[in-house]
Full PDB file with SEQRES, HELIX, SHEET, SSBOND, CRYST1, ORIGX, SCALE, CONECT and MASTER records, all heavy atoms in Angstrom:
SEQRES   1 A   31  ALA GLY LYS GLN ALA THR LYS VAL VAL GLY ASP THR PRO          
SEQRES   2 A   31  THR ARG GLU ARG ASN PHE ILE ILE LEU LEU ALA ASN ASN          
SEQRES   3 A   31  GLY TYR LEU TYR LYS                                          
SHEET    1 AA1 3 THR A   6  ASP A  11  0                                        
SHEET    2 AA1 3 ARG A  17  ASN A  25 -1                                        
SHEET    3 AA1 3 TYR A  28  TYR A  30 -1                                        
CRYST1    1.000    1.000    1.000  90.00  90.00  90.00 P 1           1          
ORIGX1      1.000000  0.000000  0.000000        0.00000                         
ORIGX2      0.000000  1.000000  0.000000        0.00000                         
ORIGX3      0.000000  0.000000  1.000000        0.00000                         
SCALE1      1.000000  0.000000  0.000000        0.00000                         
SCALE2      0.000000  1.000000  0.000000        0.00000                         
SCALE3      0.000000  0.000000  1.000000        0.00000                         
ATOM      1  N   ALA A   1    -264.183 192.500   2.571  1.00  0.00           N  
ATOM      2  CA  ALA A   1    -263.838 193.771   3.223  1.00  0.00           C  
ATOM      3  C   ALA A   1    -262.470 193.710   3.893  1.00  0.00           C  
ATOM      4  O   ALA A   1    -262.271 194.227   4.983  1.00  0.00           O  
ATOM      5  CB  ALA A   1    -264.921 194.154   4.234  1.00  0.00           C  
ATOM      6  N   GLY A   2    -261.539 193.038   3.243  1.00  0.00           N  
ATOM      7  CA  GLY A   2    -260.180 192.944   3.763  1.00  0.00           C  
ATOM      8  C   GLY A   2    -260.010 191.977   4.919  1.00  0.00           C  
ATOM      9  O   GLY A   2    -258.964 191.923   5.544  1.00  0.00           O  
ATOM     10  N   LYS A   3    -261.016 191.178   5.201  1.00  0.00           N  
ATOM     11  CA  LYS A   3    -260.975 190.221   6.308  1.00  0.00           C  
ATOM     12  C   LYS A   3    -261.202 188.810   5.773  1.00  0.00           C  
ATOM     13  O   LYS A   3    -261.876 188.608   4.768  1.00  0.00           O  
ATOM     14  CB  LYS A   3    -262.052 190.557   7.331  1.00  0.00           C  
ATOM     15  CG  LYS A   3    -262.054 192.006   7.748  1.00  0.00           C  
ATOM     16  CD  LYS A   3    -262.084 192.133   9.225  1.00  0.00           C  
ATOM     17  CE  LYS A   3    -262.090 193.589   9.635  1.00  0.00           C  
ATOM     18  NZ  LYS A   3    -260.794 194.123   9.849  1.00  0.00           N  
ATOM     19  N   GLN A   4    -260.650 187.829   6.491  1.00  0.00           N  
ATOM     20  CA  GLN A   4    -260.798 186.443   6.074  1.00  0.00           C  
ATOM     21  C   GLN A   4    -262.169 185.902   6.491  1.00  0.00           C  
ATOM     22  O   GLN A   4    -262.584 186.055   7.628  1.00  0.00           O  
ATOM     23  CB  GLN A   4    -259.701 185.589   6.703  1.00  0.00           C  
ATOM     24  CG  GLN A   4    -259.743 184.149   6.242  1.00  0.00           C  
ATOM     25  CD  GLN A   4    -258.569 183.357   6.745  1.00  0.00           C  
ATOM     26  OE1 GLN A   4    -257.429 183.749   6.563  1.00  0.00           O  
ATOM     27  NE2 GLN A   4    -258.830 182.252   7.405  1.00  0.00           N  
ATOM     28  N   ALA A   5    -262.846 185.266   5.558  1.00  0.00           N  
ATOM     29  CA  ALA A   5    -264.146 184.653   5.807  1.00  0.00           C  
ATOM     30  C   ALA A   5    -264.098 183.202   5.321  1.00  0.00           C  
ATOM     31  O   ALA A   5    -263.224 182.822   4.548  1.00  0.00           O  
ATOM     32  CB  ALA A   5    -265.238 185.409   5.063  1.00  0.00           C  
ATOM     33  N   THR A   6    -265.044 182.416   5.783  1.00  0.00           N  
ATOM     34  CA  THR A   6    -265.149 181.021   5.382  1.00  0.00           C  
ATOM     35  C   THR A   6    -266.346 180.852   4.464  1.00  0.00           C  
ATOM     36  O   THR A   6    -267.440 181.302   4.779  1.00  0.00           O  
ATOM     37  CB  THR A   6    -265.333 180.116   6.622  1.00  0.00           C  
ATOM     38  OG1 THR A   6    -264.248 180.329   7.518  1.00  0.00           O  
ATOM     39  CG2 THR A   6    -265.386 178.657   6.227  1.00  0.00           C  
ATOM     40  N   LYS A   7    -266.112 180.196   3.342  1.00  0.00           N  
ATOM     41  CA  LYS A   7    -267.187 179.909   2.386  1.00  0.00           C  
ATOM     42  C   LYS A   7    -267.333 178.393   2.282  1.00  0.00           C  
ATOM     43  O   LYS A   7    -266.359 177.685   2.034  1.00  0.00           O  
ATOM     44  CB  LYS A   7    -266.839 180.486   1.016  1.00  0.00           C  
ATOM     45  CG  LYS A   7    -267.807 180.110  -0.081  1.00  0.00           C  
ATOM     46  CD  LYS A   7    -267.321 180.686  -1.407  1.00  0.00           C  
ATOM     47  CE  LYS A   7    -268.057 180.138  -2.581  1.00  0.00           C  
ATOM     48  NZ  LYS A   7    -267.478 180.622  -3.845  1.00  0.00           N  
ATOM     49  N   VAL A   8    -268.544 177.918   2.512  1.00  0.00           N  
ATOM     50  CA  VAL A   8    -268.832 176.488   2.413  1.00  0.00           C  
ATOM     51  C   VAL A   8    -270.020 176.315   1.474  1.00  0.00           C  
ATOM     52  O   VAL A   8    -271.045 176.976   1.633  1.00  0.00           O  
ATOM     53  CB  VAL A   8    -269.166 175.887   3.804  1.00  0.00           C  
ATOM     54  CG1 VAL A   8    -269.456 174.406   3.685  1.00  0.00           C  
ATOM     55  CG2 VAL A   8    -268.033 176.126   4.785  1.00  0.00           C  
ATOM     56  N   VAL A   9    -269.855 175.441   0.505  1.00  0.00           N  
ATOM     57  CA  VAL A   9    -270.916 175.144  -0.461  1.00  0.00           C  
ATOM     58  C   VAL A   9    -271.154 173.638  -0.413  1.00  0.00           C  
ATOM     59  O   VAL A   9    -270.206 172.854  -0.464  1.00  0.00           O  
ATOM     60  CB  VAL A   9    -270.515 175.555  -1.891  1.00  0.00           C  
ATOM     61  CG1 VAL A   9    -271.635 175.254  -2.870  1.00  0.00           C  
ATOM     62  CG2 VAL A   9    -270.109 177.019  -1.946  1.00  0.00           C  
ATOM     63  N   GLY A  10    -272.425 173.267  -0.299  1.00  0.00           N  
ATOM     64  CA  GLY A  10    -272.720 171.849  -0.237  1.00  0.00           C  
ATOM     65  C   GLY A  10    -274.077 171.534  -0.824  1.00  0.00           C  
ATOM     66  O   GLY A  10    -274.928 172.415  -0.986  1.00  0.00           O  
ATOM     67  N   ASP A  11    -274.248 170.268  -1.147  1.00  0.00           N  
ATOM     68  CA  ASP A  11    -275.530 169.784  -1.637  1.00  0.00           C  
ATOM     69  C   ASP A  11    -276.262 169.114  -0.481  1.00  0.00           C  
ATOM     70  O   ASP A  11    -275.679 168.327   0.269  1.00  0.00           O  
ATOM     71  CB  ASP A  11    -275.336 168.790  -2.780  1.00  0.00           C  
ATOM     72  CG  ASP A  11    -274.845 169.470  -4.048  1.00  0.00           C  
ATOM     73  OD1 ASP A  11    -275.069 170.679  -4.201  1.00  0.00           O  
ATOM     74  OD2 ASP A  11    -274.243 168.781  -4.891  1.00  0.00           O  
ATOM     75  N   THR A  12    -277.540 169.438  -0.349  1.00  0.00           N  
ATOM     76  CA  THR A  12    -278.360 168.889   0.727  1.00  0.00           C  
ATOM     77  C   THR A  12    -278.857 167.492   0.348  1.00  0.00           C  
ATOM     78  O   THR A  12    -278.754 167.090  -0.815  1.00  0.00           O  
ATOM     79  CB  THR A  12    -279.577 169.793   1.000  1.00  0.00           C  
ATOM     80  OG1 THR A  12    -280.454 169.742  -0.127  1.00  0.00           O  
ATOM     81  CG2 THR A  12    -279.164 171.225   1.280  1.00  0.00           C  
ATOM     82  N   PRO A  13    -279.421 166.770   1.314  1.00  0.00           N  
ATOM     83  CA  PRO A  13    -279.986 165.454   0.989  1.00  0.00           C  
ATOM     84  C   PRO A  13    -281.102 165.532  -0.059  1.00  0.00           C  
ATOM     85  O   PRO A  13    -281.360 164.558  -0.755  1.00  0.00           O  
ATOM     86  CB  PRO A  13    -280.530 164.964   2.339  1.00  0.00           C  
ATOM     87  CG  PRO A  13    -279.665 165.638   3.350  1.00  0.00           C  
ATOM     88  CD  PRO A  13    -279.387 166.998   2.764  1.00  0.00           C  
ATOM     89  N   THR A  14    -281.756 166.694  -0.201  1.00  0.00           N  
ATOM     90  CA  THR A  14    -282.811 166.847  -1.211  1.00  0.00           C  
ATOM     91  C   THR A  14    -282.277 167.416  -2.526  1.00  0.00           C  
ATOM     92  O   THR A  14    -283.043 167.901  -3.351  1.00  0.00           O  
ATOM     93  CB  THR A  14    -283.934 167.753  -0.675  1.00  0.00           C  
ATOM     94  OG1 THR A  14    -283.383 169.020  -0.336  1.00  0.00           O  
ATOM     95  CG2 THR A  14    -284.618 167.136   0.526  1.00  0.00           C  
ATOM     96  N   ARG A  15    -280.960 167.387  -2.705  1.00  0.00           N  
ATOM     97  CA  ARG A  15    -280.274 167.794  -3.938  1.00  0.00           C  
ATOM     98  C   ARG A  15    -280.325 169.285  -4.222  1.00  0.00           C  
ATOM     99  O   ARG A  15    -280.274 169.722  -5.369  1.00  0.00           O  
ATOM    100  CB  ARG A  15    -280.781 167.000  -5.143  1.00  0.00           C  
ATOM    101  CG  ARG A  15    -280.565 165.534  -5.017  1.00  0.00           C  
ATOM    102  CD  ARG A  15    -281.052 164.827  -6.262  1.00  0.00           C  
ATOM    103  NE  ARG A  15    -280.627 163.447  -6.231  1.00  0.00           N  
ATOM    104  CZ  ARG A  15    -279.657 162.948  -6.981  1.00  0.00           C  
ATOM    105  NH1 ARG A  15    -279.024 163.693  -7.824  1.00  0.00           N  
ATOM    106  NH2 ARG A  15    -279.342 161.683  -6.897  1.00  0.00           N  
ATOM    107  N   GLU A  16    -280.461 170.083  -3.194  1.00  0.00           N  
ATOM    108  CA  GLU A  16    -280.368 171.531  -3.363  1.00  0.00           C  
ATOM    109  C   GLU A  16    -278.950 171.960  -2.988  1.00  0.00           C  
ATOM    110  O   GLU A  16    -278.331 171.368  -2.120  1.00  0.00           O  
ATOM    111  CB  GLU A  16    -281.367 172.239  -2.445  1.00  0.00           C  
ATOM    112  CG  GLU A  16    -282.799 171.953  -2.789  1.00  0.00           C  
ATOM    113  CD  GLU A  16    -283.760 172.570  -1.791  1.00  0.00           C  
ATOM    114  OE1 GLU A  16    -283.373 172.778  -0.627  1.00  0.00           O  
ATOM    115  OE2 GLU A  16    -284.906 172.831  -2.187  1.00  0.00           O  
ATOM    116  N   ARG A  17    -278.478 172.989  -3.634  1.00  0.00           N  
ATOM    117  CA  ARG A  17    -277.147 173.513  -3.327  1.00  0.00           C  
ATOM    118  C   ARG A  17    -277.286 174.742  -2.433  1.00  0.00           C  
ATOM    119  O   ARG A  17    -278.053 175.646  -2.728  1.00  0.00           O  
ATOM    120  CB  ARG A  17    -276.419 173.880  -4.620  1.00  0.00           C  
ATOM    121  CG  ARG A  17    -275.017 174.389  -4.336  1.00  0.00           C  
ATOM    122  CD  ARG A  17    -274.068 174.113  -5.440  1.00  0.00           C  
ATOM    123  NE  ARG A  17    -273.893 172.681  -5.624  1.00  0.00           N  
ATOM    124  CZ  ARG A  17    -273.240 172.168  -6.661  1.00  0.00           C  
ATOM    125  NH1 ARG A  17    -272.725 172.940  -7.570  1.00  0.00           N  
ATOM    126  NH2 ARG A  17    -273.114 170.864  -6.777  1.00  0.00           N  
ATOM    127  N   ASN A  18    -276.546 174.746  -1.330  1.00  0.00           N  
ATOM    128  CA  ASN A  18    -276.570 175.850  -0.371  1.00  0.00           C  
ATOM    129  C   ASN A  18    -275.184 176.443  -0.199  1.00  0.00           C  
ATOM    130  O   ASN A  18    -274.190 175.720  -0.170  1.00  0.00           O  
ATOM    131  CB  ASN A  18    -277.078 175.378   0.990  1.00  0.00           C  
ATOM    132  CG  ASN A  18    -278.526 174.947   0.969  1.00  0.00           C  
ATOM    133  OD1 ASN A  18    -279.260 175.268   0.043  1.00  0.00           O  
ATOM    134  ND2 ASN A  18    -278.941 174.223   1.975  1.00  0.00           N  
ATOM    135  N   PHE A  19    -275.144 177.768  -0.076  1.00  0.00           N  
ATOM    136  CA  PHE A  19    -273.912 178.506   0.174  1.00  0.00           C  
ATOM    137  C   PHE A  19    -274.012 179.100   1.572  1.00  0.00           C  
ATOM    138  O   PHE A  19    -275.027 179.715   1.910  1.00  0.00           O  
ATOM    139  CB  PHE A  19    -273.757 179.664  -0.814  1.00  0.00           C  
ATOM    140  CG  PHE A  19    -273.429 179.256  -2.216  1.00  0.00           C  
ATOM    141  CD1 PHE A  19    -274.332 178.557  -2.990  1.00  0.00           C  
ATOM    142  CD2 PHE A  19    -272.210 179.601  -2.772  1.00  0.00           C  
ATOM    143  CE1 PHE A  19    -274.050 178.200  -4.289  1.00  0.00           C  
ATOM    144  CE2 PHE A  19    -271.907 179.247  -4.078  1.00  0.00           C  
ATOM    145  CZ  PHE A  19    -272.828 178.545  -4.837  1.00  0.00           C  
ATOM    146  N   ILE A  20    -272.961 178.962   2.369  1.00  0.00           N  
ATOM    147  CA  ILE A  20    -272.883 179.588   3.688  1.00  0.00           C  
ATOM    148  C   ILE A  20    -271.555 180.317   3.758  1.00  0.00           C  
ATOM    149  O   ILE A  20    -270.499 179.722   3.537  1.00  0.00           O  
ATOM    150  CB  ILE A  20    -272.985 178.548   4.814  1.00  0.00           C  
ATOM    151  CG1 ILE A  20    -274.301 177.779   4.713  1.00  0.00           C  
ATOM    152  CG2 ILE A  20    -272.849 179.222   6.170  1.00  0.00           C  
ATOM    153  CD1 ILE A  20    -274.415 176.600   5.669  1.00  0.00           C  
ATOM    154  N   ILE A  21    -271.604 181.604   4.066  1.00  0.00           N  
ATOM    155  CA  ILE A  21    -270.393 182.410   4.211  1.00  0.00           C  
ATOM    156  C   ILE A  21    -270.399 183.002   5.610  1.00  0.00           C  
ATOM    157  O   ILE A  21    -271.392 183.612   6.026  1.00  0.00           O  
ATOM    158  CB  ILE A  21    -270.324 183.529   3.145  1.00  0.00           C  
ATOM    159  CG1 ILE A  21    -270.194 182.921   1.742  1.00  0.00           C  
ATOM    160  CG2 ILE A  21    -269.108 184.409   3.386  1.00  0.00           C  
ATOM    161  CD1 ILE A  21    -271.416 182.891   0.971  1.00  0.00           C  
ATOM    162  N   LEU A  22    -269.301 182.812   6.343  1.00  0.00           N  
ATOM    163  CA  LEU A  22    -269.186 183.295   7.716  1.00  0.00           C  
ATOM    164  C   LEU A  22    -267.967 184.188   7.845  1.00  0.00           C  
ATOM    165  O   LEU A  22    -266.888 183.865   7.357  1.00  0.00           O  
ATOM    166  CB  LEU A  22    -269.045 182.121   8.688  1.00  0.00           C  
ATOM    167  CG  LEU A  22    -270.189 181.116   8.710  1.00  0.00           C  
ATOM    168  CD1 LEU A  22    -269.802 179.897   9.537  1.00  0.00           C  
ATOM    169  CD2 LEU A  22    -271.441 181.754   9.267  1.00  0.00           C  
ATOM    170  N   LEU A  23    -268.146 185.294   8.543  1.00  0.00           N  
ATOM    171  CA  LEU A  23    -267.056 186.237   8.791  1.00  0.00           C  
ATOM    172  C   LEU A  23    -267.130 186.660  10.250  1.00  0.00           C  
ATOM    173  O   LEU A  23    -268.117 187.255  10.680  1.00  0.00           O  
ATOM    174  CB  LEU A  23    -267.188 187.467   7.889  1.00  0.00           C  
ATOM    175  CG  LEU A  23    -266.212 188.603   8.182  1.00  0.00           C  
ATOM    176  CD1 LEU A  23    -264.871 188.298   7.525  1.00  0.00           C  
ATOM    177  CD2 LEU A  23    -266.749 189.915   7.691  1.00  0.00           C  
ATOM    178  N   ALA A  24    -266.110 186.319  11.009  1.00  0.00           N  
ATOM    179  CA  ALA A  24    -266.026 186.743  12.410  1.00  0.00           C  
ATOM    180  C   ALA A  24    -265.176 188.006  12.470  1.00  0.00           C  
ATOM    181  O   ALA A  24    -264.091 188.069  11.898  1.00  0.00           O  
ATOM    182  CB  ALA A  24    -265.397 185.645  13.259  1.00  0.00           C  
ATOM    183  N   ASN A  25    -265.691 189.037  13.160  1.00  0.00           N  
ATOM    184  CA  ASN A  25    -264.950 190.289  13.265  1.00  0.00           C  
ATOM    185  C   ASN A  25    -265.369 191.040  14.522  1.00  0.00           C  
ATOM    186  O   ASN A  25    -266.549 191.324  14.712  1.00  0.00           O  
ATOM    187  CB  ASN A  25    -265.211 191.170  12.030  1.00  0.00           C  
ATOM    188  CG  ASN A  25    -264.415 192.452  12.079  1.00  0.00           C  
ATOM    189  OD1 ASN A  25    -263.202 192.417  12.163  1.00  0.00           O  
ATOM    190  ND2 ASN A  25    -265.088 193.571  12.042  1.00  0.00           N  
ATOM    191  N   ASN A  26    -264.390 191.330  15.371  1.00  0.00           N  
ATOM    192  CA  ASN A  26    -264.592 192.204  16.522  1.00  0.00           C  
ATOM    193  C   ASN A  26    -265.769 191.753  17.401  1.00  0.00           C  
ATOM    194  O   ASN A  26    -266.572 192.566  17.843  1.00  0.00           O  
ATOM    195  CB  ASN A  26    -264.794 193.645  16.035  1.00  0.00           C  
ATOM    196  CG  ASN A  26    -264.531 194.657  17.135  1.00  0.00           C  
ATOM    197  OD1 ASN A  26    -263.773 194.384  18.063  1.00  0.00           O  
ATOM    198  ND2 ASN A  26    -265.149 195.811  17.031  1.00  0.00           N  
ATOM    199  N   GLY A  27    -265.877 190.451  17.635  1.00  0.00           N  
ATOM    200  CA  GLY A  27    -266.925 189.926  18.490  1.00  0.00           C  
ATOM    201  C   GLY A  27    -268.258 189.686  17.805  1.00  0.00           C  
ATOM    202  O   GLY A  27    -269.216 189.266  18.440  1.00  0.00           O  
ATOM    203  N   TYR A  28    -268.343 189.966  16.531  1.00  0.00           N  
ATOM    204  CA  TYR A  28    -269.575 189.753  15.773  1.00  0.00           C  
ATOM    205  C   TYR A  28    -269.360 188.638  14.764  1.00  0.00           C  
ATOM    206  O   TYR A  28    -268.257 188.457  14.259  1.00  0.00           O  
ATOM    207  CB  TYR A  28    -269.994 191.019  15.016  1.00  0.00           C  
ATOM    208  CG  TYR A  28    -270.390 192.151  15.916  1.00  0.00           C  
ATOM    209  CD1 TYR A  28    -269.469 193.131  16.271  1.00  0.00           C  
ATOM    210  CD2 TYR A  28    -271.688 192.246  16.403  1.00  0.00           C  
ATOM    211  CE1 TYR A  28    -269.833 194.180  17.103  1.00  0.00           C  
ATOM    212  CE2 TYR A  28    -272.058 193.291  17.235  1.00  0.00           C  
ATOM    213  CZ  TYR A  28    -271.126 194.253  17.580  1.00  0.00           C  
ATOM    214  OH  TYR A  28    -271.491 195.272  18.407  1.00  0.00           O  
ATOM    215  N   LEU A  29    -270.430 187.917  14.455  1.00  0.00           N  
ATOM    216  CA  LEU A  29    -270.385 186.905  13.407  1.00  0.00           C  
ATOM    217  C   LEU A  29    -271.358 187.319  12.321  1.00  0.00           C  
ATOM    218  O   LEU A  29    -272.563 187.409  12.549  1.00  0.00           O  
ATOM    219  CB  LEU A  29    -270.765 185.522  13.945  1.00  0.00           C  
ATOM    220  CG  LEU A  29    -270.756 184.400  12.910  1.00  0.00           C  
ATOM    221  CD1 LEU A  29    -269.343 184.181  12.361  1.00  0.00           C  
ATOM    222  CD2 LEU A  29    -271.293 183.113  13.515  1.00  0.00           C  
ATOM    223  N   TYR A  30    -270.827 187.598  11.152  1.00  0.00           N  
ATOM    224  CA  TYR A  30    -271.641 187.949   9.990  1.00  0.00           C  
ATOM    225  C   TYR A  30    -271.872 186.676   9.198  1.00  0.00           C  
ATOM    226  O   TYR A  30    -270.961 185.893   8.985  1.00  0.00           O  
ATOM    227  CB  TYR A  30    -270.932 188.983   9.120  1.00  0.00           C  
ATOM    228  CG  TYR A  30    -270.634 190.271   9.843  1.00  0.00           C  
ATOM    229  CD1 TYR A  30    -269.431 190.451  10.522  1.00  0.00           C  
ATOM    230  CD2 TYR A  30    -271.563 191.298   9.857  1.00  0.00           C  
ATOM    231  CE1 TYR A  30    -269.165 191.630  11.188  1.00  0.00           C  
ATOM    232  CE2 TYR A  30    -271.296 192.489  10.523  1.00  0.00           C  
ATOM    233  CZ  TYR A  30    -270.098 192.645  11.187  1.00  0.00           C  
ATOM    234  OH  TYR A  30    -269.840 193.809  11.851  1.00  0.00           O  
ATOM    235  N   LYS A  31    -273.110 186.467   8.743  1.00  0.00           N  
ATOM    236  CA  LYS A  31    -273.446 185.254   8.016  1.00  0.00           C  
ATOM    237  C   LYS A  31    -274.290 185.611   6.801  1.00  0.00           C  
ATOM    238  O   LYS A  31    -275.270 186.343   6.910  1.00  0.00           O  
ATOM    239  CB  LYS A  31    -274.225 184.299   8.917  1.00  0.00           C  
ATOM    240  CG  LYS A  31    -274.662 183.018   8.239  1.00  0.00           C  
ATOM    241  CD  LYS A  31    -275.463 182.153   9.198  1.00  0.00           C  
ATOM    242  CE  LYS A  31    -275.995 180.930   8.495  1.00  0.00           C  
ATOM    243  NZ  LYS A  31    -276.885 180.156   9.355  1.00  0.00           N  
TER     244      LYS A  31                                                      
MASTER        0    0    0    0    3    0    0    6  243    1    0    3          
END                                                                             
């Protein structure tokens, strides 16, 4: 949405892949 966000992708110790996307905007954190 025209704003910078952080995307992190990693494998867990149990070999599952997880995606986490974080966007901070105007005092709110969208996840």
